Amino acid sequence: MRRLFQISIALVILGHLVFAGMQAFAWGVVADRLLGISDPAAVIKTAAVGTSFASYNFSIAVGLTLSFFLTINVQSKVHLTVLALIVFTAIVGYFGTGSLVILVARLLPAVVALLSLLVLTRKAQLPIS
């Protein structure tokens, strides 16, 4: 179960880094695929939104990575909280865009990481409140 958590949280972190990079450096592709915006003027006009999305995704990846330096009890609380928020925002993002990329690449790894961490914290009887 620990290995499943490690792989899935690594995928969550990697996914946020990849999305951040795409949003920062290939906004035209993201705008077209997620939002159906392909007009060059509209892509340029919305580029600041892409940068904002990129900073959010990059912050999540960095925060999750740095959280591994916390004590195990604090680390598990942070991971549970952040993963639950990622699951929520991925669901909202999927329903808002209908993108299977969000569903598969964002939601699935976060759900697997969250559920495997819940099992691990219950087995170790780590306090999560």
C-alpha atoms as a PDB file:
ATOM      1  CA  MET A   1       0.000   0.000   0.000  1.00  0.00           C
ATOM      2  CA  ARG A   2       2.901   2.319   0.768  1.00  0.00           C
ATOM      3  CA  ARG A   3       4.328   1.781  -2.722  1.00  0.00           C
ATOM      4  CA  LEU A   4       0.937   2.582  -4.273  1.00  0.00           C
ATOM      5  CA  PHE A   5       0.826   5.825  -2.289  1.00  0.00           C
ATOM      6  CA  GLN A   6       4.378   6.734  -3.294  1.00  0.00           C
ATOM      7  CA  ILE A   7       3.710   6.120  -6.984  1.00  0.00           C
ATOM      8  CA  SER A   8       0.381   7.917  -7.010  1.00  0.00           C
ATOM      9  CA  ILE A   9       1.597  10.994  -5.101  1.00  0.00           C
ATOM     10  CA  ALA A  10       4.612  11.147  -7.422  1.00  0.00           C
ATOM     11  CA  LEU A  11       2.159  11.134 -10.340  1.00  0.00           C
ATOM     12  CA  VAL A  12       0.137  13.904  -8.668  1.00  0.00           C
ATOM     13  CA  ILE A  13       3.284  16.026  -8.281  1.00  0.00           C
ATOM     14  CA  LEU A  14       4.503  15.258 -11.795  1.00  0.00           C
ATOM     15  CA  GLY A  15       1.069  15.972 -13.242  1.00  0.00           C
ATOM     16  CA  HIS A  16       0.978  19.384 -11.587  1.00  0.00           C
ATOM     17  CA  LEU A  17       4.449  20.170 -12.927  1.00  0.00           C
ATOM     18  CA  VAL A  18       3.502  19.089 -16.456  1.00  0.00           C
ATOM     19  CA  PHE A  19       0.261  21.067 -16.380  1.00  0.00           C
ATOM     20  CA  ALA A  20       2.117  24.108 -15.038  1.00  0.00           C
ATOM     21  CA  GLY A  21       4.638  23.875 -17.844  1.00  0.00           C
ATOM     22  CA  MET A  22       1.941  23.503 -20.480  1.00  0.00           C
ATOM     23  CA  GLN A  23      -0.068  26.387 -19.076  1.00  0.00           C
ATOM     24  CA  ALA A  24       2.972  28.642 -18.849  1.00  0.00           C
ATOM     25  CA  PHE A  25       4.712  27.764 -22.104  1.00  0.00           C
ATOM     26  CA  ALA A  26       2.051  26.247 -24.377  1.00  0.00           C
ATOM     27  CA  TRP A  27      -1.089  28.145 -23.423  1.00  0.00           C
ATOM     28  CA  GLY A  28      -2.392  28.010 -26.991  1.00  0.00           C
ATOM     29  CA  VAL A  29      -2.555  24.210 -26.878  1.00  0.00           C
ATOM     30  CA  VAL A  30      -4.190  24.180 -23.437  1.00  0.00           C
ATOM     31  CA  ALA A  31      -6.689  26.902 -24.350  1.00  0.00           C
ATOM     32  CA  ASP A  32      -7.684  25.018 -27.472  1.00  0.00           C
ATOM     33  CA  ARG A  33      -7.993  21.574 -25.889  1.00  0.00           C
ATOM     34  CA  LEU A  34      -9.599  22.550 -22.587  1.00  0.00           C
ATOM     35  CA  LEU A  35     -11.581  25.628 -23.518  1.00  0.00           C
ATOM     36  CA  GLY A  36     -12.034  25.410 -27.266  1.00  0.00           C
ATOM     37  CA  ILE A  37     -10.230  28.738 -27.716  1.00  0.00           C
ATOM     38  CA  SER A  38      -8.188  28.667 -30.907  1.00  0.00           C
ATOM     39  CA  ASP A  39      -8.458  32.248 -32.171  1.00  0.00           C
ATOM     40  CA  PRO A  40      -4.918  33.697 -31.858  1.00  0.00           C
ATOM     41  CA  ALA A  41      -6.224  37.014 -30.480  1.00  0.00           C
ATOM     42  CA  ALA A  42      -8.282  35.212 -27.829  1.00  0.00           C
ATOM     43  CA  VAL A  43      -5.314  33.005 -26.907  1.00  0.00           C
ATOM     44  CA  ILE A  44      -3.150  36.094 -26.413  1.00  0.00           C
ATOM     45  CA  LYS A  45      -5.902  37.835 -24.467  1.00  0.00           C
ATOM     46  CA  THR A  46      -6.289  34.867 -22.084  1.00  0.00           C
ATOM     47  CA  ALA A  47      -2.569  34.097 -21.671  1.00  0.00           C
ATOM     48  CA  ALA A  48      -2.499  35.750 -18.242  1.00  0.00           C
ATOM     49  CA  VAL A  49      -5.101  33.232 -17.087  1.00  0.00           C
ATOM     50  CA  GLY A  50      -2.790  30.442 -18.248  1.00  0.00           C
ATOM     51  CA  THR A  51       0.049  31.947 -16.242  1.00  0.00           C
ATOM     52  CA  SER A  52      -2.198  32.126 -13.193  1.00  0.00           C
ATOM     53  CA  PHE A  53      -3.203  28.479 -13.617  1.00  0.00           C
ATOM     54  CA  ALA A  54       0.465  27.568 -14.038  1.00  0.00           C
ATOM     55  CA  SER A  55       1.449  29.273 -10.794  1.00  0.00           C
ATOM     56  CA  TYR A  56      -1.294  27.391  -8.950  1.00  0.00           C
ATOM     57  CA  ASN A  57      -0.203  24.023 -10.336  1.00  0.00           C
ATOM     58  CA  PHE A  58       3.482  24.736  -9.739  1.00  0.00           C
ATOM     59  CA  SER A  59       2.729  25.793  -6.146  1.00  0.00           C
ATOM     60  CA  ILE A  60       0.852  22.568  -5.487  1.00  0.00           C
ATOM     61  CA  ALA A  61       3.747  20.476  -6.844  1.00  0.00           C
ATOM     62  CA  VAL A  62       6.334  22.378  -4.801  1.00  0.00           C
ATOM     63  CA  GLY A  63       4.190  22.322  -1.652  1.00  0.00           C
ATOM     64  CA  LEU A  64       3.576  18.587  -1.862  1.00  0.00           C
ATOM     65  CA  THR A  65       7.264  17.956  -2.481  1.00  0.00           C
ATOM     66  CA  LEU A  66       8.353  20.113   0.451  1.00  0.00           C
ATOM     67  CA  SER A  67       5.777  18.488   2.731  1.00  0.00           C
ATOM     68  CA  PHE A  68       7.877  15.310   2.730  1.00  0.00           C
ATOM     69  CA  PHE A  69      10.305  17.157   5.010  1.00  0.00           C
ATOM     70  CA  LEU A  70       7.658  17.474   7.744  1.00  0.00           C
ATOM     71  CA  THR A  71       7.211  15.023  10.593  1.00  0.00           C
ATOM     72  CA  ILE A  72       5.112  12.011   9.611  1.00  0.00           C
ATOM     73  CA  ASN A  73       2.010  13.071  11.560  1.00  0.00           C
ATOM     74  CA  VAL A  74       2.029  16.593  10.130  1.00  0.00           C
ATOM     75  CA  GLN A  75       2.972  15.258   6.699  1.00  0.00           C
ATOM     76  CA  SER A  76      -0.017  12.901   6.620  1.00  0.00           C
ATOM     77  CA  LYS A  77      -2.381  15.714   7.612  1.00  0.00           C
ATOM     78  CA  VAL A  78      -1.009  17.993   4.916  1.00  0.00           C
ATOM     79  CA  HIS A  79      -1.158  15.247   2.294  1.00  0.00           C
ATOM     80  CA  LEU A  80      -4.711  14.282   3.207  1.00  0.00           C
ATOM     81  CA  THR A  81      -5.861  17.897   3.076  1.00  0.00           C
ATOM     82  CA  VAL A  82      -4.105  18.800  -0.167  1.00  0.00           C
ATOM     83  CA  LEU A  83      -5.117  15.573  -1.900  1.00  0.00           C
ATOM     84  CA  ALA A  84      -8.751  16.072  -0.879  1.00  0.00           C
ATOM     85  CA  LEU A  85      -8.617  19.598  -2.314  1.00  0.00           C
ATOM     86  CA  ILE A  86      -7.040  18.323  -5.527  1.00  0.00           C
ATOM     87  CA  VAL A  87      -9.796  15.713  -5.865  1.00  0.00           C
ATOM     88  CA  PHE A  88     -12.414  18.432  -5.381  1.00  0.00           C
ATOM     89  CA  THR A  89     -10.830  20.838  -7.861  1.00  0.00           C
ATOM     90  CA  ALA A  90     -10.279  18.071 -10.429  1.00  0.00           C
ATOM     91  CA  ILE A  91     -13.971  17.150 -10.236  1.00  0.00           C
ATOM     92  CA  VAL A  92     -14.937  20.803 -10.653  1.00  0.00           C
ATOM     93  CA  GLY A  93     -12.435  21.126 -13.508  1.00  0.00           C
ATOM     94  CA  TYR A  94     -13.763  18.047 -15.244  1.00  0.00           C
ATOM     95  CA  PHE A  95     -17.376  19.182 -15.029  1.00  0.00           C
ATOM     96  CA  GLY A  96     -16.369  22.673 -16.132  1.00  0.00           C
ATOM     97  CA  THR A  97     -14.382  21.551 -19.162  1.00  0.00           C
ATOM     98  CA  GLY A  98     -15.460  17.978 -19.872  1.00  0.00           C
ATOM     99  CA  SER A  99     -11.772  17.161 -20.356  1.00  0.00           C
ATOM    100  CA  LEU A 100     -10.821  13.512 -20.017  1.00  0.00           C
ATOM    101  CA  VAL A 101      -7.248  14.687 -19.418  1.00  0.00           C
ATOM    102  CA  ILE A 102      -8.361  16.284 -16.153  1.00  0.00           C
ATOM    103  CA  LEU A 103     -10.375  13.221 -15.244  1.00  0.00           C
ATOM    104  CA  VAL A 104      -7.604  10.704 -15.921  1.00  0.00           C
ATOM    105  CA  ALA A 105      -4.390  12.658 -15.330  1.00  0.00           C
ATOM    106  CA  ARG A 106      -5.494  14.786 -12.391  1.00  0.00           C
ATOM    107  CA  LEU A 107      -8.381  13.092 -10.613  1.00  0.00           C
ATOM    108  CA  LEU A 108      -7.366   9.440 -10.819  1.00  0.00           C
ATOM    109  CA  PRO A 109      -3.854   9.752  -9.308  1.00  0.00           C
ATOM    110  CA  ALA A 110      -5.169  12.065  -6.568  1.00  0.00           C
ATOM    111  CA  VAL A 111      -7.983   9.659  -5.651  1.00  0.00           C
ATOM    112  CA  VAL A 112      -5.594   6.702  -5.556  1.00  0.00           C
ATOM    113  CA  ALA A 113      -3.096   8.665  -3.436  1.00  0.00           C
ATOM    114  CA  LEU A 114      -5.821   9.872  -1.073  1.00  0.00           C
ATOM    115  CA  LEU A 115      -7.398   6.445  -0.599  1.00  0.00           C
ATOM    116  CA  SER A 116      -4.066   4.670  -0.157  1.00  0.00           C
ATOM    117  CA  LEU A 117      -2.966   7.301   2.371  1.00  0.00           C
ATOM    118  CA  LEU A 118      -6.223   6.868   4.285  1.00  0.00           C
ATOM    119  CA  VAL A 119      -5.559   3.125   4.489  1.00  0.00           C
ATOM    120  CA  LEU A 120      -1.970   3.725   5.601  1.00  0.00           C
ATOM    121  CA  THR A 121      -2.961   6.230   8.289  1.00  0.00           C
ATOM    122  CA  ARG A 122      -5.629   3.866   9.617  1.00  0.00           C
ATOM    123  CA  LYS A 123      -3.193   0.935   9.731  1.00  0.00           C
ATOM    124  CA  ALA A 124      -0.569   3.019  11.525  1.00  0.00           C
ATOM    125  CA  GLN A 125      -3.275   4.659  13.613  1.00  0.00           C
ATOM    126  CA  LEU A 126      -1.810   8.051  12.891  1.00  0.00           C
ATOM    127  CA  PRO A 127      -3.944  10.887  14.154  1.00  0.00           C
ATOM    128  CA  ILE A 128      -5.449  12.845  11.281  1.00  0.00           C
ATOM    129  CA  SER A 129      -7.487  15.336  13.253  1.00  0.00           C
END
